[in-house]
Amino acid sequence: MEPPTPRVRVVLGDVSRAPIHPARARVELEEQSPVGAALARGLVRAQLSVAVRLSAVVAVGLGGLPLLFAAVPAVAHARLFGVSLPWLLLGVLAYPFLYLVGAVYVHLAERNEQEFVALVEDRGQNPPA
């Protein structure tokens, strides 16, 4: 008698984890199929997440200063180099702060786009397990 052949377990869930072929992903995006729409939605969601987080940084950073001045009058009346501290912070230092936040946004947005292109074109990166 021959030994019985070992049983093979077939799981349909493993098929969905298979990486999307690069050419297929590009076609899915161009045709706006459900898969392509999901890929595009993921990019938009990532970009929106970056924008919302950095908007919160600006809102807290600049919006919190008037609250600080109202809560601590000594800070509001302080002078630095002969200039009122509130004017210096809100009138002068706000611009470099906004420039820095904008530069960080551009960097993060470009990184999201590069990751999206790498996902679609499959530049030799291993898909997450």
N, C-alpha and C. Protein backbone atom coordinates (compact mmCIF):
# COMPACT_ATOMS: atom_id res chain seq x y z
N MET A 1 0.82 -1.19 0.00
CA MET A 1 0.00 0.00 0.00
C MET A 1 0.86 1.24 0.00
N GLU A 2 0.38 2.19 -0.73
CA GLU A 2 1.09 3.48 -0.78
C GLU A 2 0.62 4.37 0.36
N PRO A 3 1.54 5.18 0.89
CA PRO A 3 1.10 6.12 1.93
C PRO A 3 0.18 7.18 1.32
N PRO A 4 -0.79 7.64 2.08
CA PRO A 4 -1.70 8.65 1.54
C PRO A 4 -0.95 9.95 1.25
N THR A 5 -1.40 10.63 0.21
CA THR A 5 -0.77 11.92 -0.12
C THR A 5 -1.15 12.94 0.94
N PRO A 6 -0.22 13.81 1.27
CA PRO A 6 -0.54 14.81 2.30
C PRO A 6 -1.61 15.77 1.80
N ARG A 7 -2.40 16.22 2.72
CA ARG A 7 -3.47 17.16 2.39
C ARG A 7 -2.88 18.54 2.18
N VAL A 8 -3.47 19.25 1.25
CA VAL A 8 -3.05 20.61 0.96
C VAL A 8 -4.20 21.53 1.32
N ARG A 9 -3.92 22.49 2.13
CA ARG A 9 -4.95 23.44 2.54
C ARG A 9 -4.96 24.60 1.55
N VAL A 10 -6.12 24.87 0.97
CA VAL A 10 -6.27 25.97 0.02
C VAL A 10 -7.06 27.06 0.72
N VAL A 11 -6.45 28.23 0.79
CA VAL A 11 -7.08 29.37 1.44
C VAL A 11 -7.23 30.47 0.42
N LEU A 12 -8.46 30.92 0.22
CA LEU A 12 -8.70 31.96 -0.77
C LEU A 12 -8.15 33.31 -0.34
N GLY A 13 -7.99 33.52 0.96
CA GLY A 13 -7.49 34.80 1.45
C GLY A 13 -6.07 35.07 1.01
N ASP A 14 -5.28 34.03 0.77
CA ASP A 14 -3.90 34.22 0.36
C ASP A 14 -3.81 34.82 -1.04
N VAL A 15 -4.80 34.60 -1.86
CA VAL A 15 -4.78 35.13 -3.22
C VAL A 15 -4.85 36.65 -3.21
N SER A 16 -5.62 37.22 -2.28
CA SER A 16 -5.77 38.67 -2.25
C SER A 16 -4.49 39.37 -1.81
N ARG A 17 -3.59 38.66 -1.15
CA ARG A 17 -2.34 39.28 -0.71
C ARG A 17 -1.27 39.26 -1.77
N ALA A 18 -1.55 38.65 -2.89
CA ALA A 18 -0.57 38.60 -3.97
C ALA A 18 -0.36 40.01 -4.51
N PRO A 19 0.89 40.40 -4.79
CA PRO A 19 1.14 41.74 -5.29
C PRO A 19 0.52 41.95 -6.66
N ILE A 20 0.11 43.19 -6.90
CA ILE A 20 -0.46 43.56 -8.19
C ILE A 20 0.68 43.72 -9.18
N HIS A 21 0.55 43.10 -10.33
CA HIS A 21 1.57 43.24 -11.37
C HIS A 21 1.63 44.70 -11.81
N PRO A 22 2.82 45.28 -12.04
CA PRO A 22 2.93 46.70 -12.36
C PRO A 22 2.09 47.12 -13.56
N ALA A 23 2.12 46.33 -14.63
CA ALA A 23 1.34 46.72 -15.82
C ALA A 23 -0.14 46.68 -15.51
N ARG A 24 -0.55 45.70 -14.71
CA ARG A 24 -1.96 45.61 -14.34
C ARG A 24 -2.37 46.80 -13.47
N ALA A 25 -1.51 47.20 -12.54
CA ALA A 25 -1.83 48.34 -11.68
C ALA A 25 -1.99 49.60 -12.51
N ARG A 26 -1.12 49.77 -13.52
CA ARG A 26 -1.22 50.95 -14.39
C ARG A 26 -2.54 50.93 -15.16
N VAL A 27 -2.93 49.77 -15.66
CA VAL A 27 -4.20 49.64 -16.38
C VAL A 27 -5.36 49.92 -15.45
N GLU A 28 -5.28 49.39 -14.23
CA GLU A 28 -6.34 49.63 -13.25
C GLU A 28 -6.51 51.12 -12.97
N LEU A 29 -5.40 51.84 -12.89
CA LEU A 29 -5.48 53.28 -12.66
C LEU A 29 -6.07 54.01 -13.86
N GLU A 30 -5.62 53.65 -15.06
CA GLU A 30 -6.10 54.34 -16.26
C GLU A 30 -7.58 54.10 -16.50
N GLU A 31 -8.05 52.89 -16.21
CA GLU A 31 -9.46 52.57 -16.44
C GLU A 31 -10.34 52.96 -15.27
N GLN A 32 -9.76 53.42 -14.19
CA GLN A 32 -10.49 53.77 -12.97
C GLN A 32 -11.39 52.63 -12.51
N SER A 33 -10.84 51.43 -12.52
CA SER A 33 -11.54 50.26 -11.99
C SER A 33 -11.58 50.39 -10.47
N PRO A 34 -12.30 49.52 -9.80
CA PRO A 34 -12.33 49.60 -8.33
C PRO A 34 -10.94 49.53 -7.69
N VAL A 35 -10.06 48.71 -8.26
CA VAL A 35 -8.69 48.63 -7.71
C VAL A 35 -7.94 49.93 -7.97
N GLY A 36 -8.04 50.46 -9.19
CA GLY A 36 -7.38 51.73 -9.51
C GLY A 36 -7.91 52.87 -8.67
N ALA A 37 -9.24 52.87 -8.47
CA ALA A 37 -9.83 53.92 -7.64
C ALA A 37 -9.34 53.80 -6.20
N ALA A 38 -9.17 52.58 -5.72
CA ALA A 38 -8.67 52.39 -4.36
C ALA A 38 -7.22 52.87 -4.24
N LEU A 39 -6.40 52.60 -5.26
CA LEU A 39 -5.02 53.08 -5.24
C LEU A 39 -4.97 54.61 -5.24
N ALA A 40 -5.78 55.23 -6.09
CA ALA A 40 -5.81 56.70 -6.15
C ALA A 40 -6.36 57.28 -4.85
N ARG A 41 -7.38 56.64 -4.28
CA ARG A 41 -7.96 57.11 -3.02
C ARG A 41 -6.92 57.04 -1.91
N GLY A 42 -6.09 56.00 -1.93
CA GLY A 42 -5.04 55.89 -0.92
C GLY A 42 -4.04 57.03 -0.99
N LEU A 43 -3.67 57.42 -2.22
CA LEU A 43 -2.76 58.55 -2.38
C LEU A 43 -3.40 59.85 -1.91
N VAL A 44 -4.66 60.07 -2.28
CA VAL A 44 -5.36 61.28 -1.86
C VAL A 44 -5.48 61.31 -0.34
N ARG A 45 -5.77 60.17 0.26
CA ARG A 45 -5.91 60.10 1.72
C ARG A 45 -4.58 60.41 2.40
N ALA A 46 -3.49 59.91 1.86
CA ALA A 46 -2.17 60.18 2.44
C ALA A 46 -1.83 61.66 2.33
N GLN A 47 -2.12 62.27 1.17
CA GLN A 47 -1.83 63.70 0.98
C GLN A 47 -2.71 64.54 1.91
N LEU A 48 -3.97 64.16 2.05
CA LEU A 48 -4.87 64.90 2.95
C LEU A 48 -4.41 64.79 4.39
N SER A 49 -3.93 63.62 4.78
CA SER A 49 -3.44 63.42 6.14
C SER A 49 -2.27 64.35 6.44
N VAL A 50 -1.34 64.46 5.51
CA VAL A 50 -0.20 65.36 5.69
C VAL A 50 -0.68 66.80 5.80
N ALA A 51 -1.60 67.20 4.93
CA ALA A 51 -2.09 68.58 4.94
C ALA A 51 -2.82 68.91 6.24
N VAL A 52 -3.63 67.99 6.74
CA VAL A 52 -4.37 68.25 7.98
C VAL A 52 -3.42 68.33 9.17
N ARG A 53 -2.45 67.43 9.23
CA ARG A 53 -1.50 67.48 10.36
C ARG A 53 -0.70 68.77 10.37
N LEU A 54 -0.22 69.19 9.21
CA LEU A 54 0.57 70.42 9.17
C LEU A 54 -0.30 71.66 9.37
N SER A 55 -1.56 71.60 8.96
CA SER A 55 -2.48 72.70 9.25
C SER A 55 -2.70 72.83 10.76
N ALA A 56 -2.76 71.70 11.43
CA ALA A 56 -2.90 71.74 12.89
C ALA A 56 -1.66 72.34 13.54
N VAL A 57 -0.49 72.04 13.00
CA VAL A 57 0.75 72.63 13.52
C VAL A 57 0.71 74.15 13.38
N VAL A 58 0.27 74.63 12.21
CA VAL A 58 0.18 76.08 11.99
C VAL A 58 -0.87 76.69 12.90
N ALA A 59 -2.02 76.04 13.03
CA ALA A 59 -3.09 76.58 13.88
C ALA A 59 -2.66 76.68 15.33
N VAL A 60 -1.98 75.66 15.81
CA VAL A 60 -1.51 75.70 17.20
C VAL A 60 -0.36 76.68 17.34
N GLY A 61 0.57 76.65 16.38
CA GLY A 61 1.74 77.52 16.47
C GLY A 61 1.41 79.00 16.39
N LEU A 62 0.58 79.37 15.43
CA LEU A 62 0.24 80.79 15.29
C LEU A 62 -1.02 81.17 16.06
N GLY A 63 -1.98 80.28 16.11
CA GLY A 63 -3.22 80.58 16.83
C GLY A 63 -3.04 80.56 18.33
N GLY A 64 -2.06 79.81 18.79
CA GLY A 64 -1.81 79.75 20.22
C GLY A 64 -1.11 80.97 20.77
N LEU A 65 -0.44 81.72 19.92
CA LEU A 65 0.28 82.91 20.42
C LEU A 65 -0.65 83.97 20.99
N PRO A 66 -1.74 84.35 20.31
CA PRO A 66 -2.64 85.32 20.94
C PRO A 66 -3.23 84.81 22.25
N LEU A 67 -3.49 83.52 22.33
CA LEU A 67 -3.98 82.96 23.59
C LEU A 67 -2.92 83.06 24.68
N LEU A 68 -1.68 82.84 24.32
CA LEU A 68 -0.58 82.98 25.27
C LEU A 68 -0.47 84.42 25.75
N PHE A 69 -0.59 85.36 24.82
CA PHE A 69 -0.49 86.77 25.19
C PHE A 69 -1.64 87.19 26.10
N ALA A 70 -2.83 86.64 25.87
CA ALA A 70 -3.98 86.97 26.72
C ALA A 70 -3.86 86.31 28.09
N ALA A 71 -3.33 85.11 28.15
CA ALA A 71 -3.22 84.39 29.42
C ALA A 71 -2.06 84.90 30.28
N VAL A 72 -0.98 85.31 29.63
CA VAL A 72 0.20 85.78 30.37
C VAL A 72 0.52 87.19 29.89
N PRO A 73 -0.04 88.20 30.56
CA PRO A 73 0.18 89.59 30.12
C PRO A 73 1.65 90.02 30.15
N ALA A 74 2.46 89.39 30.98
CA ALA A 74 3.88 89.77 31.04
C ALA A 74 4.56 89.45 29.70
N VAL A 75 4.15 88.37 29.06
CA VAL A 75 4.72 88.02 27.75
C VAL A 75 4.25 89.03 26.70
N ALA A 76 2.99 89.43 26.81
CA ALA A 76 2.43 90.37 25.84
C ALA A 76 3.12 91.74 25.92
N HIS A 77 3.62 92.11 27.09
CA HIS A 77 4.25 93.42 27.24
C HIS A 77 5.78 93.35 27.17
N ALA A 78 6.33 92.19 26.95
CA ALA A 78 7.78 92.04 26.88
C ALA A 78 8.31 92.70 25.61
N ARG A 79 9.54 93.16 25.69
CA ARG A 79 10.19 93.79 24.55
C ARG A 79 11.52 93.08 24.32
N LEU A 80 11.82 92.86 23.04
CA LEU A 80 13.05 92.20 22.66
C LEU A 80 13.70 93.06 21.59
N PHE A 81 14.91 93.51 21.84
CA PHE A 81 15.63 94.42 20.93
C PHE A 81 14.81 95.69 20.66
N GLY A 82 14.08 96.13 21.66
CA GLY A 82 13.28 97.35 21.54
C GLY A 82 11.98 97.15 20.77
N VAL A 83 11.64 95.93 20.44
CA VAL A 83 10.42 95.65 19.68
C VAL A 83 9.50 94.80 20.56
N SER A 84 8.22 95.09 20.49
CA SER A 84 7.23 94.33 21.25
C SER A 84 7.29 92.86 20.82
N LEU A 85 7.31 91.95 21.80
CA LEU A 85 7.42 90.52 21.51
C LEU A 85 6.25 89.99 20.66
N PRO A 86 5.00 90.38 20.94
CA PRO A 86 3.92 89.90 20.07
C PRO A 86 4.10 90.34 18.61
N TRP A 87 4.51 91.58 18.41
CA TRP A 87 4.71 92.05 17.04
C TRP A 87 5.85 91.28 16.38
N LEU A 88 6.89 91.05 17.12
CA LEU A 88 8.03 90.32 16.58
C LEU A 88 7.64 88.89 16.20
N LEU A 89 6.90 88.22 17.07
CA LEU A 89 6.51 86.83 16.79
C LEU A 89 5.50 86.73 15.66
N LEU A 90 4.44 87.54 15.71
CA LEU A 90 3.37 87.44 14.72
C LEU A 90 3.67 88.20 13.44
N GLY A 91 4.48 89.25 13.53
CA GLY A 91 4.72 90.06 12.35
C GLY A 91 5.98 89.70 11.59
N VAL A 92 6.94 89.11 12.27
CA VAL A 92 8.22 88.82 11.62
C VAL A 92 8.51 87.32 11.58
N LEU A 93 8.49 86.67 12.74
CA LEU A 93 8.89 85.27 12.80
C LEU A 93 7.83 84.31 12.26
N ALA A 94 6.63 84.80 12.02
CA ALA A 94 5.59 83.93 11.45
C ALA A 94 5.95 83.50 10.04
N TYR A 95 6.59 84.36 9.28
CA TYR A 95 6.92 84.04 7.88
C TYR A 95 7.95 82.93 7.74
N PRO A 96 9.05 82.96 8.47
CA PRO A 96 9.96 81.80 8.39
C PRO A 96 9.29 80.51 8.88
N PHE A 97 8.43 80.63 9.89
CA PHE A 97 7.71 79.45 10.39
C PHE A 97 6.81 78.88 9.29
N LEU A 98 6.06 79.74 8.60
CA LEU A 98 5.19 79.28 7.52
C LEU A 98 6.00 78.71 6.35
N TYR A 99 7.13 79.31 6.06
CA TYR A 99 8.00 78.80 5.00
C TYR A 99 8.50 77.40 5.36
N LEU A 100 8.91 77.21 6.60
CA LEU A 100 9.40 75.91 7.06
C LEU A 100 8.29 74.86 6.98
N VAL A 101 7.10 75.20 7.43
CA VAL A 101 5.98 74.25 7.35
C VAL A 101 5.67 73.92 5.90
N GLY A 102 5.72 74.91 5.01
CA GLY A 102 5.49 74.67 3.59
C GLY A 102 6.55 73.75 2.99
N ALA A 103 7.81 73.94 3.37
CA ALA A 103 8.88 73.09 2.86
C ALA A 103 8.71 71.65 3.36
N VAL A 104 8.31 71.49 4.61
CA VAL A 104 8.06 70.15 5.15
C VAL A 104 6.89 69.51 4.40
N TYR A 105 5.84 70.27 4.11
CA TYR A 105 4.69 69.73 3.37
C TYR A 105 5.11 69.25 1.98
N VAL A 106 5.89 70.06 1.28
CA VAL A 106 6.34 69.67 -0.06
C VAL A 106 7.16 68.40 0.01
N HIS A 107 8.05 68.31 0.99
CA HIS A 107 8.88 67.11 1.13
C HIS A 107 8.02 65.87 1.38
N LEU A 108 7.07 65.96 2.31
CA LEU A 108 6.23 64.81 2.63
C LEU A 108 5.30 64.45 1.49
N ALA A 109 4.77 65.45 0.78
CA ALA A 109 3.89 65.17 -0.35
C ALA A 109 4.66 64.49 -1.48
N GLU A 110 5.87 64.94 -1.75
CA GLU A 110 6.69 64.29 -2.78
C GLU A 110 7.05 62.87 -2.38
N ARG A 111 7.31 62.65 -1.10
CA ARG A 111 7.62 61.30 -0.64
C ARG A 111 6.41 60.38 -0.84
N ASN A 112 5.20 60.88 -0.53
CA ASN A 112 3.99 60.09 -0.75
C ASN A 112 3.83 59.74 -2.23
N GLU A 113 4.09 60.71 -3.09
CA GLU A 113 3.95 60.46 -4.53
C GLU A 113 5.00 59.47 -5.02
N GLN A 114 6.22 59.55 -4.51
CA GLN A 114 7.26 58.60 -4.91
C GLN A 114 6.91 57.19 -4.45
N GLU A 115 6.36 57.06 -3.25
CA GLU A 115 5.94 55.75 -2.77
C GLU A 115 4.80 55.20 -3.62
N PHE A 116 3.89 56.07 -4.05
CA PHE A 116 2.78 55.66 -4.90
C PHE A 116 3.30 55.17 -6.25
N VAL A 117 4.22 55.92 -6.85
CA VAL A 117 4.79 55.52 -8.14
C VAL A 117 5.55 54.21 -7.99
N ALA A 118 6.29 54.06 -6.89
CA ALA A 118 7.02 52.81 -6.67
C ALA A 118 6.05 51.64 -6.51
N LEU A 119 4.92 51.87 -5.88
CA LEU A 119 3.92 50.83 -5.74
C LEU A 119 3.34 50.44 -7.09
N VAL A 120 3.05 51.42 -7.91
CA VAL A 120 2.43 51.16 -9.21
C VAL A 120 3.43 50.53 -10.16
N GLU A 121 4.66 51.04 -10.16
CA GLU A 121 5.66 50.54 -11.11
C GLU A 121 6.45 49.35 -10.58
N ASP A 122 6.30 49.07 -9.27
CA ASP A 122 6.99 47.95 -8.63
C ASP A 122 8.48 47.99 -8.92
N ARG A 123 9.13 48.97 -8.40
CA ARG A 123 10.57 49.18 -8.64
C ARG A 123 11.43 48.24 -7.79
N GLY A 124 11.07 47.00 -7.78
CA GLY A 124 11.90 46.04 -7.05
C GLY A 124 11.69 46.06 -5.55
N GLN A 125 10.71 46.79 -5.07
CA GLN A 125 10.46 46.80 -3.65
C GLN A 125 9.58 45.62 -3.30
N ASN A 126 9.84 45.03 -2.15
CA ASN A 126 9.03 43.92 -1.72
C ASN A 126 7.74 44.43 -1.13
N PRO A 127 6.59 43.82 -1.47
CA PRO A 127 5.34 44.25 -0.88
C PRO A 127 5.29 43.86 0.59
N PRO A 128 4.54 44.62 1.39
CA PRO A 128 4.44 44.28 2.81
C PRO A 128 3.78 42.92 2.97
N ALA A 129 4.21 42.17 3.98
CA ALA A 129 3.68 40.82 4.21
C ALA A 129 2.32 40.86 4.86
